[in-house]
C-alpha atoms as a PDB file:
ATOM      1  CA  MET A   1       0.082   0.493  -0.100  1.00  0.00           C
ATOM      2  CA  SER A   2       0.896   3.833  -0.910  1.00  0.00           C
ATOM      3  CA  ASP A   3       0.533   6.616   0.849  1.00  0.00           C
ATOM      4  CA  SER A   4      -1.117   7.339  -2.460  1.00  0.00           C
ATOM      5  CA  ALA A   5      -3.564   4.257  -1.809  1.00  0.00           C
ATOM      6  CA  LEU A   6      -4.239   6.076   1.501  1.00  0.00           C
ATOM      7  CA  SER A   7      -5.485   9.877  -0.371  1.00  0.00           C
ATOM      8  CA  ASP A   8      -7.193   8.169  -2.682  1.00  0.00           C
ATOM      9  CA  PHE A   9      -9.612   6.410  -0.408  1.00  0.00           C
ATOM     10  CA  ALA A  10     -10.129   9.576   2.287  1.00  0.00           C
ATOM     11  CA  ALA A  11     -10.648  11.266  -1.202  1.00  0.00           C
ATOM     12  CA  ARG A  12     -13.014   8.419  -1.892  1.00  0.00           C
ATOM     13  CA  SER A  13     -14.667   8.267   1.216  1.00  0.00           C
ATOM     14  CA  ALA A  14     -15.189  12.360   1.802  1.00  0.00           C
ATOM     15  CA  GLU A  15     -17.077  11.890  -2.048  1.00  0.00           C
ATOM     16  CA  ALA A  16     -19.071   8.999  -0.770  1.00  0.00           C
ATOM     17  CA  ARG A  17     -22.757   9.772  -0.826  1.00  0.00           C
ATOM     18  CA  ASP A  18     -23.918   7.318   1.278  1.00  0.00           C
ATOM     19  CA  PRO A  19     -23.119   4.935   3.523  1.00  0.00           C
ATOM     20  CA  GLN A  20     -23.744   1.643   1.177  1.00  0.00           C
ATOM     21  CA  GLU A  21     -21.739   3.579  -1.829  1.00  0.00           C
ATOM     22  CA  LEU A  22     -18.756   4.068   1.308  1.00  0.00           C
ATOM     23  CA  TRP A  23     -19.211   0.196   1.703  1.00  0.00           C
ATOM     24  CA  HIS A  24     -18.648  -0.481  -1.793  1.00  0.00           C
ATOM     25  CA  VAL A  25     -15.123   2.403  -1.787  1.00  0.00           C
ATOM     26  CA  VAL A  26     -14.064   0.326   1.590  1.00  0.00           C
ATOM     27  CA  ILE A  27     -14.366  -3.594  -0.247  1.00  0.00           C
ATOM     28  CA  ALA A  28     -12.573  -2.271  -3.398  1.00  0.00           C
ATOM     29  CA  PHE A  29      -9.406  -0.857  -1.017  1.00  0.00           C
ATOM     30  CA  TYR A  30      -9.114  -3.800   0.282  1.00  0.00           C
ATOM     31  CA  ALA A  31      -9.270  -6.184  -1.691  1.00  0.00           C
ATOM     32  CA  ASP A  32      -5.931  -3.988  -4.133  1.00  0.00           C
ATOM     33  CA  ASP A  33      -5.076  -5.461  -0.880  1.00  0.00           C
ATOM     34  CA  ASP A  34      -6.185  -9.232  -1.518  1.00  0.00           C
ATOM     35  CA  ILE A  35      -8.537  -9.256   1.621  1.00  0.00           C
ATOM     36  CA  PRO A  36     -11.900 -10.997   0.827  1.00  0.00           C
ATOM     37  CA  MET A  37     -13.559 -10.685   3.420  1.00  0.00           C
ATOM     38  CA  VAL A  38     -14.509  -7.553   5.491  1.00  0.00           C
ATOM     39  CA  SER A  39     -16.921  -7.397   8.340  1.00  0.00           C
ATOM     40  CA  TYR A  40     -18.081  -3.841  10.169  1.00  0.00           C
ATOM     41  CA  HIS A  41     -19.842  -4.223  13.394  1.00  0.00           C
ATOM     42  CA  HIS A  42     -21.420  -0.481  15.300  1.00  0.00           C
ATOM     43  CA  PHE A  43     -21.477  -0.311  18.537  1.00  0.00           C
ATOM     44  CA  ARG A  44     -24.230   2.338  18.402  1.00  0.00           C
ATOM     45  CA  GLN A  45     -24.619   2.275  22.362  1.00  0.00           C
ATOM     46  CA  GLY A  46     -21.505   1.001  23.275  1.00  0.00           C
ATOM     47  CA  ARG A  47     -20.757  -2.024  25.859  1.00  0.00           C
ATOM     48  CA  MET A  48     -22.143  -2.760  28.951  1.00  0.00           C
ATOM     49  CA  GLN A  49     -20.817  -5.279  30.755  1.00  0.00           C
ATOM     50  CA  GLY A  50     -18.866  -6.917  28.284  1.00  0.00           C
ATOM     51  CA  VAL A  51     -22.548  -7.308  26.369  1.00  0.00           C
ATOM     52  CA  LEU A  52     -23.279  -6.118  23.351  1.00  0.00           C
ATOM     53  CA  THR A  53     -26.329  -3.549  22.754  1.00  0.00           C
ATOM     54  CA  GLU A  54     -27.221  -2.989  19.794  1.00  0.00           C
ATOM     55  CA  THR A  55     -25.442  -3.984  17.281  1.00  0.00           C
ATOM     56  CA  GLY A  56     -25.362  -2.969  13.634  1.00  0.00           C
ATOM     57  CA  ILE A  57     -23.594  -5.590  11.159  1.00  0.00           C
ATOM     58  CA  LYS A  58     -22.510  -5.617   7.318  1.00  0.00           C
ATOM     59  CA  ALA A  59     -20.310  -8.215   6.693  1.00  0.00           C
ATOM     60  CA  HIS A  60     -18.920  -9.311   2.422  1.00  0.00           C
ATOM     61  CA  GLY A  61     -16.437 -12.046   0.889  1.00  0.00           C
ATOM     62  CA  PHE A  62     -17.717 -14.587   3.986  1.00  0.00           C
ATOM     63  CA  PRO A  63     -19.964 -17.837   3.263  1.00  0.00           C
ATOM     64  CA  ALA A  64     -23.528 -16.254   3.431  1.00  0.00           C
ATOM     65  CA  ASP A  65     -24.005 -19.632   5.557  1.00  0.00           C
ATOM     66  CA  TRP A  66     -22.149 -18.107   7.793  1.00  0.00           C
ATOM     67  CA  VAL A  67     -23.228 -15.333   8.282  1.00  0.00           C
ATOM     68  CA  THR A  68     -26.830 -16.185   8.539  1.00  0.00           C
ATOM     69  CA  HIS A  69     -25.845 -18.766  11.536  1.00  0.00           C
ATOM     70  CA  TYR A  70     -23.499 -15.696  12.794  1.00  0.00           C
ATOM     71  CA  LEU A  71     -27.022 -13.643  13.216  1.00  0.00           C
ATOM     72  CA  GLU A  72     -29.596 -15.637  12.947  1.00  0.00           C
ATOM     73  CA  ASP A  73     -27.495 -16.933  15.993  1.00  0.00           C
ATOM     74  CA  HIS A  74     -26.982 -14.366  18.338  1.00  0.00           C
ATOM     75  CA  LEU A  75     -22.741 -15.397  17.629  1.00  0.00           C
ATOM     76  CA  PHE A  76     -21.994 -12.147  17.929  1.00  0.00           C
ATOM     77  CA  GLU A  77     -22.277 -11.787  21.996  1.00  0.00           C
ATOM     78  CA  HIS A  78     -20.111 -14.516  22.391  1.00  0.00           C
ATOM     79  CA  ASP A  79     -17.628 -13.950  19.870  1.00  0.00           C
ATOM     80  CA  PRO A  80     -13.890 -13.377  21.800  1.00  0.00           C
ATOM     81  CA  ILE A  81     -12.462 -11.648  18.589  1.00  0.00           C
ATOM     82  CA  VAL A  82     -14.612  -8.880  18.829  1.00  0.00           C
ATOM     83  CA  ALA A  83     -14.734  -8.444  22.304  1.00  0.00           C
ATOM     84  CA  LEU A  84     -10.685  -8.546  22.963  1.00  0.00           C
ATOM     85  CA  ALA A  85     -11.143  -5.697  19.627  1.00  0.00           C
ATOM     86  CA  ALA A  86     -13.025  -3.940  21.820  1.00  0.00           C
ATOM     87  CA  ARG A  87     -10.999  -4.327  24.692  1.00  0.00           C
ATOM     88  CA  THR A  88      -7.540  -2.912  22.792  1.00  0.00           C
ATOM     89  CA  THR A  89      -6.112  -0.321  20.383  1.00  0.00           C
ATOM     90  CA  ARG A  90      -3.711  -2.373  18.598  1.00  0.00           C
ATOM     91  CA  PRO A  91      -4.555  -4.707  16.107  1.00  0.00           C
ATOM     92  CA  PHE A  92      -4.728  -8.764  16.396  1.00  0.00           C
ATOM     93  CA  PHE A  93      -4.855 -11.723  14.444  1.00  0.00           C
ATOM     94  CA  TRP A  94      -7.261 -14.335  14.694  1.00  0.00           C
ATOM     95  CA  ASN A  95      -5.735 -17.197  15.294  1.00  0.00           C
ATOM     96  CA  ASP A  96      -4.074 -15.824  18.518  1.00  0.00           C
ATOM     97  CA  ILE A  97      -6.627 -14.955  20.233  1.00  0.00           C
ATOM     98  CA  ARG A  98      -6.149 -17.915  22.461  1.00  0.00           C
ATOM     99  CA  HIS A  99      -2.816 -16.176  23.996  1.00  0.00           C
ATOM    100  CA  LEU A 100      -4.572 -12.968  24.208  1.00  0.00           C
ATOM    101  CA  VAL A 101      -7.387 -13.907  26.333  1.00  0.00           C
ATOM    102  CA  GLU A 102      -8.217 -16.619  28.163  1.00  0.00           C
ATOM    103  CA  LEU A 103     -12.095 -17.981  27.212  1.00  0.00           C
ATOM    104  CA  THR A 104     -15.722 -18.499  28.553  1.00  0.00           C
ATOM    105  CA  GLY A 105     -17.125 -21.460  27.522  1.00  0.00           C
ATOM    106  CA  ALA A 106     -19.347 -19.522  24.937  1.00  0.00           C
ATOM    107  CA  GLU A 107     -16.392 -18.447  23.158  1.00  0.00           C
ATOM    108  CA  GLU A 108     -14.649 -21.371  23.100  1.00  0.00           C
ATOM    109  CA  ALA A 109     -17.609 -22.832  21.624  1.00  0.00           C
ATOM    110  CA  MET A 110     -18.039 -20.410  19.224  1.00  0.00           C
ATOM    111  CA  LEU A 111     -14.223 -20.404  17.995  1.00  0.00           C
ATOM    112  CA  ARG A 112     -15.042 -23.694  17.035  1.00  0.00           C
ATOM    113  CA  ARG A 113     -17.632 -23.200  15.212  1.00  0.00           C
ATOM    114  CA  LEU A 114     -15.419 -19.885  13.598  1.00  0.00           C
ATOM    115  CA  GLU A 115     -13.245 -22.613  12.884  1.00  0.00           C
ATOM    116  CA  ALA A 116     -15.120 -24.891  12.074  1.00  0.00           C
ATOM    117  CA  ALA A 117     -16.509 -22.759   8.854  1.00  0.00           C
ATOM    118  CA  ASP A 118     -12.317 -22.930   7.601  1.00  0.00           C
ATOM    119  CA  LEU A 119     -12.363 -19.062   6.649  1.00  0.00           C
ATOM    120  CA  GLY A 120      -8.882 -18.847   7.421  1.00  0.00           C
ATOM    121  CA  ASP A 121      -6.781 -16.184   9.011  1.00  0.00           C
ATOM    122  CA  GLY A 122      -7.900 -12.854   9.507  1.00  0.00           C
ATOM    123  CA  LEU A 123      -6.830  -9.402  11.715  1.00  0.00           C
ATOM    124  CA  SER A 124      -8.969  -7.056  14.004  1.00  0.00           C
ATOM    125  CA  MET A 125      -8.833  -3.965  14.900  1.00  0.00           C
ATOM    126  CA  GLN A 126     -11.407  -1.356  16.405  1.00  0.00           C
ATOM    127  CA  VAL A 127     -12.459   1.913  15.691  1.00  0.00           C
ATOM    128  CA  VAL A 128     -14.056   4.607  17.577  1.00  0.00           C
ATOM    129  CA  GLY A 129     -16.349   7.859  16.918  1.00  0.00           C
ATOM    130  CA  PRO A 130     -18.230  10.496  18.872  1.00  0.00           C
ATOM    131  CA  ASN A 131     -20.511   9.866  21.776  1.00  0.00           C
ATOM    132  CA  LEU A 132     -18.876   5.869  22.383  1.00  0.00           C
ATOM    133  CA  ARG A 133     -20.187   5.322  18.968  1.00  0.00           C
ATOM    134  CA  ASN A 134     -16.909   2.502  18.463  1.00  0.00           C
ATOM    135  CA  GLY A 135     -16.941   0.183  16.447  1.00  0.00           C
ATOM    136  CA  TYR A 136     -15.214  -3.738  14.746  1.00  0.00           C
ATOM    137  CA  VAL A 137     -13.294  -4.254  11.805  1.00  0.00           C
ATOM    138  CA  GLY A 138     -12.729  -7.431  10.638  1.00  0.00           C
ATOM    139  CA  LEU A 139     -10.249  -8.328   7.477  1.00  0.00           C
ATOM    140  CA  GLY A 140     -10.683 -11.506   6.054  1.00  0.00           C
ATOM    141  CA  PHE A 141      -7.732 -13.286   4.494  1.00  0.00           C
ATOM    142  CA  GLY A 142      -9.246 -16.166   3.404  1.00  0.00           C
ATOM    143  CA  GLY A 143      -6.495 -18.602   4.147  1.00  0.00           C
ATOM    144  CA  ARG A 144      -3.241 -17.894   6.332  1.00  0.00           C
ATOM    145  CA  ARG A 145      -2.251 -14.428   6.578  1.00  0.00           C
ATOM    146  CA  PRO A 146       0.662 -12.581   4.568  1.00  0.00           C
ATOM    147  CA  ALA A 147       3.789 -11.470   5.938  1.00  0.00           C
ATOM    148  CA  LEU A 148       2.653  -8.001   7.293  1.00  0.00           C
ATOM    149  CA  SER A 149       4.499  -5.223   9.031  1.00  0.00           C
ATOM    150  CA  ASP A 150       3.354  -3.278  11.875  1.00  0.00           C
ATOM    151  CA  ALA A 151       3.208  -0.062   9.243  1.00  0.00           C
ATOM    152  CA  MET A 152       1.136  -1.857   7.055  1.00  0.00           C
ATOM    153  CA  ILE A 153      -1.317  -3.331  10.021  1.00  0.00           C
ATOM    154  CA  PHE A 154      -1.324   0.368  10.529  1.00  0.00           C
ATOM    155  CA  GLU A 155      -1.834   1.916   8.030  1.00  0.00           C
ATOM    156  CA  LEU A 156      -4.685  -0.975   7.054  1.00  0.00           C
ATOM    157  CA  LYS A 157      -6.192   0.509  10.284  1.00  0.00           C
ATOM    158  CA  CYS A 158      -5.881   3.956   8.784  1.00  0.00           C
ATOM    159  CA  ALA A 159      -8.007   3.184   5.850  1.00  0.00           C
ATOM    160  CA  ALA A 160     -10.433   1.114   8.296  1.00  0.00           C
ATOM    161  CA  GLN A 161     -10.628   4.210  11.037  1.00  0.00           C
ATOM    162  CA  ILE A 162     -11.074   7.287   7.891  1.00  0.00           C
ATOM    163  CA  ALA A 163     -14.183   4.957   6.783  1.00  0.00           C
ATOM    164  CA  HIS A 164     -16.079   4.760  10.578  1.00  0.00           C
ATOM    165  CA  LEU A 165     -15.688   8.248  10.762  1.00  0.00           C
ATOM    166  CA  ARG A 166     -17.066   9.113   7.786  1.00  0.00           C
ATOM    167  CA  TYR A 167     -19.614   6.914   7.939  1.00  0.00           C
ATOM    168  CA  CYS A 168     -20.499   8.281  11.526  1.00  0.00           C
ATOM    169  CA  GLU A 169     -20.557  11.280   9.756  1.00  0.00           C
ATOM    170  CA  MET A 170     -24.072  10.339   7.461  1.00  0.00           C
ATOM    171  CA  VAL A 171     -25.472   8.925   9.562  1.00  0.00           C
ATOM    172  CA  PRO A 172     -26.051  11.362  12.696  1.00  0.00           C
ATOM    173  CA  ASP A 173     -28.576   9.796  14.719  1.00  0.00           C
ATOM    174  CA  ASP A 174     -28.716   5.890  14.606  1.00  0.00           C
ATOM    175  CA  ALA A 175     -28.861   5.449  17.669  1.00  0.00           C
ATOM    176  CA  ARG A 176     -32.125   7.660  18.679  1.00  0.00           C
ATOM    177  CA  ALA A 177     -33.424   6.264  14.948  1.00  0.00           C
ATOM    178  CA  ALA A 178     -32.427   1.966  15.955  1.00  0.00           C
ATOM    179  CA  ALA A 179     -33.656   2.761  19.955  1.00  0.00           C
ATOM    180  CA  SER A 180     -36.801   3.845  18.603  1.00  0.00           C
ATOM    181  CA  LEU A 181     -38.070   1.680  15.607  1.00  0.00           C
ATOM    182  CA  THR A 182     -40.003  -1.407  17.744  1.00  0.00           C
ATOM    183  CA  ALA A 183     -39.271  -4.853  16.222  1.00  0.00           C
ATOM    184  CA  ARG A 184     -42.096  -4.942  14.173  1.00  0.00           C
ATOM    185  CA  GLU A 185     -41.345  -1.965  12.410  1.00  0.00           C
ATOM    186  CA  ARG A 186     -38.389  -2.801  11.680  1.00  0.00           C
ATOM    187  CA  GLU A 187     -39.511  -6.296   9.936  1.00  0.00           C
ATOM    188  CA  VAL A 188     -41.899  -3.899   7.723  1.00  0.00           C
ATOM    189  CA  LEU A 189     -38.713  -1.376   6.866  1.00  0.00           C
ATOM    190  CA  GLY A 190     -37.074  -4.973   6.363  1.00  0.00           C
ATOM    191  CA  TRP A 191     -39.122  -5.227   3.038  1.00  0.00           C
ATOM    192  CA  ILE A 192     -39.175  -2.131   2.338  1.00  0.00           C
ATOM    193  CA  ALA A 193     -35.910  -2.075   1.408  1.00  0.00           C
ATOM    194  CA  ARG A 194     -36.597  -5.910  -0.631  1.00  0.00           C
ATOM    195  CA  GLY A 195     -38.974  -3.300  -2.618  1.00  0.00           C
ATOM    196  CA  LYS A 196     -41.892  -5.005  -1.452  1.00  0.00           C
ATOM    197  CA  SER A 197     -45.617  -3.090  -1.451  1.00  0.00           C
ATOM    198  CA  ASN A 198     -47.629  -2.804   1.587  1.00  0.00           C
ATOM    199  CA  ALA A 199     -50.106  -4.788  -0.033  1.00  0.00           C
ATOM    200  CA  VAL A 200     -47.618  -7.487   0.052  1.00  0.00           C
ATOM    201  CA  ILE A 201     -45.620  -6.610   3.590  1.00  0.00           C
ATOM    202  CA  ALA A 202     -49.394  -6.974   4.838  1.00  0.00           C
ATOM    203  CA  ASP A 203     -49.922 -10.832   3.003  1.00  0.00           C
ATOM    204  CA  ILE A 204     -46.659 -11.379   4.847  1.00  0.00           C
ATOM    205  CA  LEU A 205     -47.022 -10.637   7.809  1.00  0.00           C
ATOM    206  CA  ARG A 206     -51.027 -11.446   7.968  1.00  0.00           C
ATOM    207  CA  VAL A 207     -52.422  -8.311   8.853  1.00  0.00           C
ATOM    208  CA  SER A 208     -54.072  -5.579   8.046  1.00  0.00           C
ATOM    209  CA  ARG A 209     -53.145  -3.230   4.778  1.00  0.00           C
ATOM    210  CA  HIS A 210     -54.039  -0.714   7.062  1.00  0.00           C
ATOM    211  CA  THR A 211     -51.715  -2.122   9.952  1.00  0.00           C
ATOM    212  CA  VAL A 212     -49.149  -1.709   7.702  1.00  0.00           C
ATOM    213  CA  ASP A 213     -49.540   1.387   6.389  1.00  0.00           C
ATOM    214  CA  THR A 214     -49.978   2.891   9.509  1.00  0.00           C
ATOM    215  CA  LEU A 215     -46.364   1.540  10.154  1.00  0.00           C
ATOM    216  CA  VAL A 216     -45.162   2.340   7.791  1.00  0.00           C
ATOM    217  CA  ARG A 217     -45.952   6.113   8.204  1.00  0.00           C
ATOM    218  CA  ARG A 218     -44.329   5.391  11.962  1.00  0.00           C
ATOM    219  CA  ILE A 219     -41.168   4.485  10.600  1.00  0.00           C
ATOM    220  CA  PHE A 220     -40.733   7.509   8.315  1.00  0.00           C
ATOM    221  CA  ASP A 221     -41.738  10.028  11.441  1.00  0.00           C
ATOM    222  CA  LYS A 222     -38.590   8.106  13.458  1.00  0.00           C
ATOM    223  CA  LEU A 223     -36.502   8.194  10.922  1.00  0.00           C
ATOM    224  CA  GLY A 224     -37.438  11.691   9.051  1.00  0.00           C
ATOM    225  CA  VAL A 225     -37.730  10.634   5.504  1.00  0.00           C
ATOM    226  CA  ALA A 226     -40.743  11.338   3.473  1.00  0.00           C
ATOM    227  CA  ASP A 227     -40.014   8.159   0.637  1.00  0.00           C
ATOM    228  CA  ARG A 228     -39.191   4.304   0.558  1.00  0.00           C
ATOM    229  CA  THR A 229     -35.797   4.520  -0.436  1.00  0.00           C
ATOM    230  CA  THR A 230     -34.781   6.526   0.942  1.00  0.00           C
ATOM    231  CA  ALA A 231     -36.161   4.896   4.252  1.00  0.00           C
ATOM    232  CA  ALA A 232     -34.181   1.837   3.806  1.00  0.00           C
ATOM    233  CA  ILE A 233     -30.831   3.783   2.743  1.00  0.00           C
ATOM    234  CA  LYS A 234     -31.344   5.361   6.414  1.00  0.00           C
ATOM    235  CA  GLY A 235     -31.901   1.840   7.893  1.00  0.00           C
ATOM    236  CA  VAL A 236     -29.564   0.484   5.561  1.00  0.00           C
ATOM    237  CA  GLY A 237     -26.751   3.342   7.629  1.00  0.00           C
ATOM    238  CA  ALA A 238     -27.908   2.254  11.528  1.00  0.00           C
ATOM    239  CA  GLY A 239     -27.342  -0.589  10.647  1.00  0.00           C
ATOM    240  CA  LEU A 240     -31.042  -1.557  10.831  1.00  0.00           C
ATOM    241  CA  ILE A 241     -31.011  -3.371   7.941  1.00  0.00           C
ATOM    242  CA  LEU A 242     -28.228  -5.681   5.989  1.00  0.00           C
ATOM    243  CA  PRO A 243     -27.740  -4.615   2.174  1.00  0.00           C
ATOM    244  CA  THR A 244     -28.014  -7.259  -0.016  1.00  0.00           C
END
């Protein structure tokens, strides 16, 4: 990686118009360094008593079945790699985790699941933002770790930090929006993001069209938007729904 590459990344991050475009800029940047997998966890309310609260997660390049398993089974709640990254400023490799921290039984079980997924080694790092809007970035190598100097690792972290701060600029009220949406409203927002009409959503949820209309109006009011596209974009940016 060269200084010009990092400068170009900073410029493209600043020019990104929304979180989805920024995400593509991030993916392309790490792909240029032969890093095929990128994950980003945004801790909207920080960490309390060691448990993740209000976490938005994005993932690229990871096997779809692993991402589904990780999210639906809430593996992130017992992920020792993410937990350690939140406590240290220095990046570390996934495969070194057992030498860096004593694991609980749940963390060891989660780590065995990770190893069974055969994702290879990776690099973990914390990113920090305003008002405790911190996060985690995981860079998966898809195999054995490459030879990375301390300077190269620092540059990879600088890029992650640049992207995180740009994301915080784009989505200044994400914590408020996440906290205000009910579980049902988030579900409706997810179907909106998939292009479903209110009538179709009503059929899927087995509720009346009037109920869905009311939920959509509430979602718009809480997110401060006036149309479905903007609601979906803001939902992705806030980590309320995952981009496809």
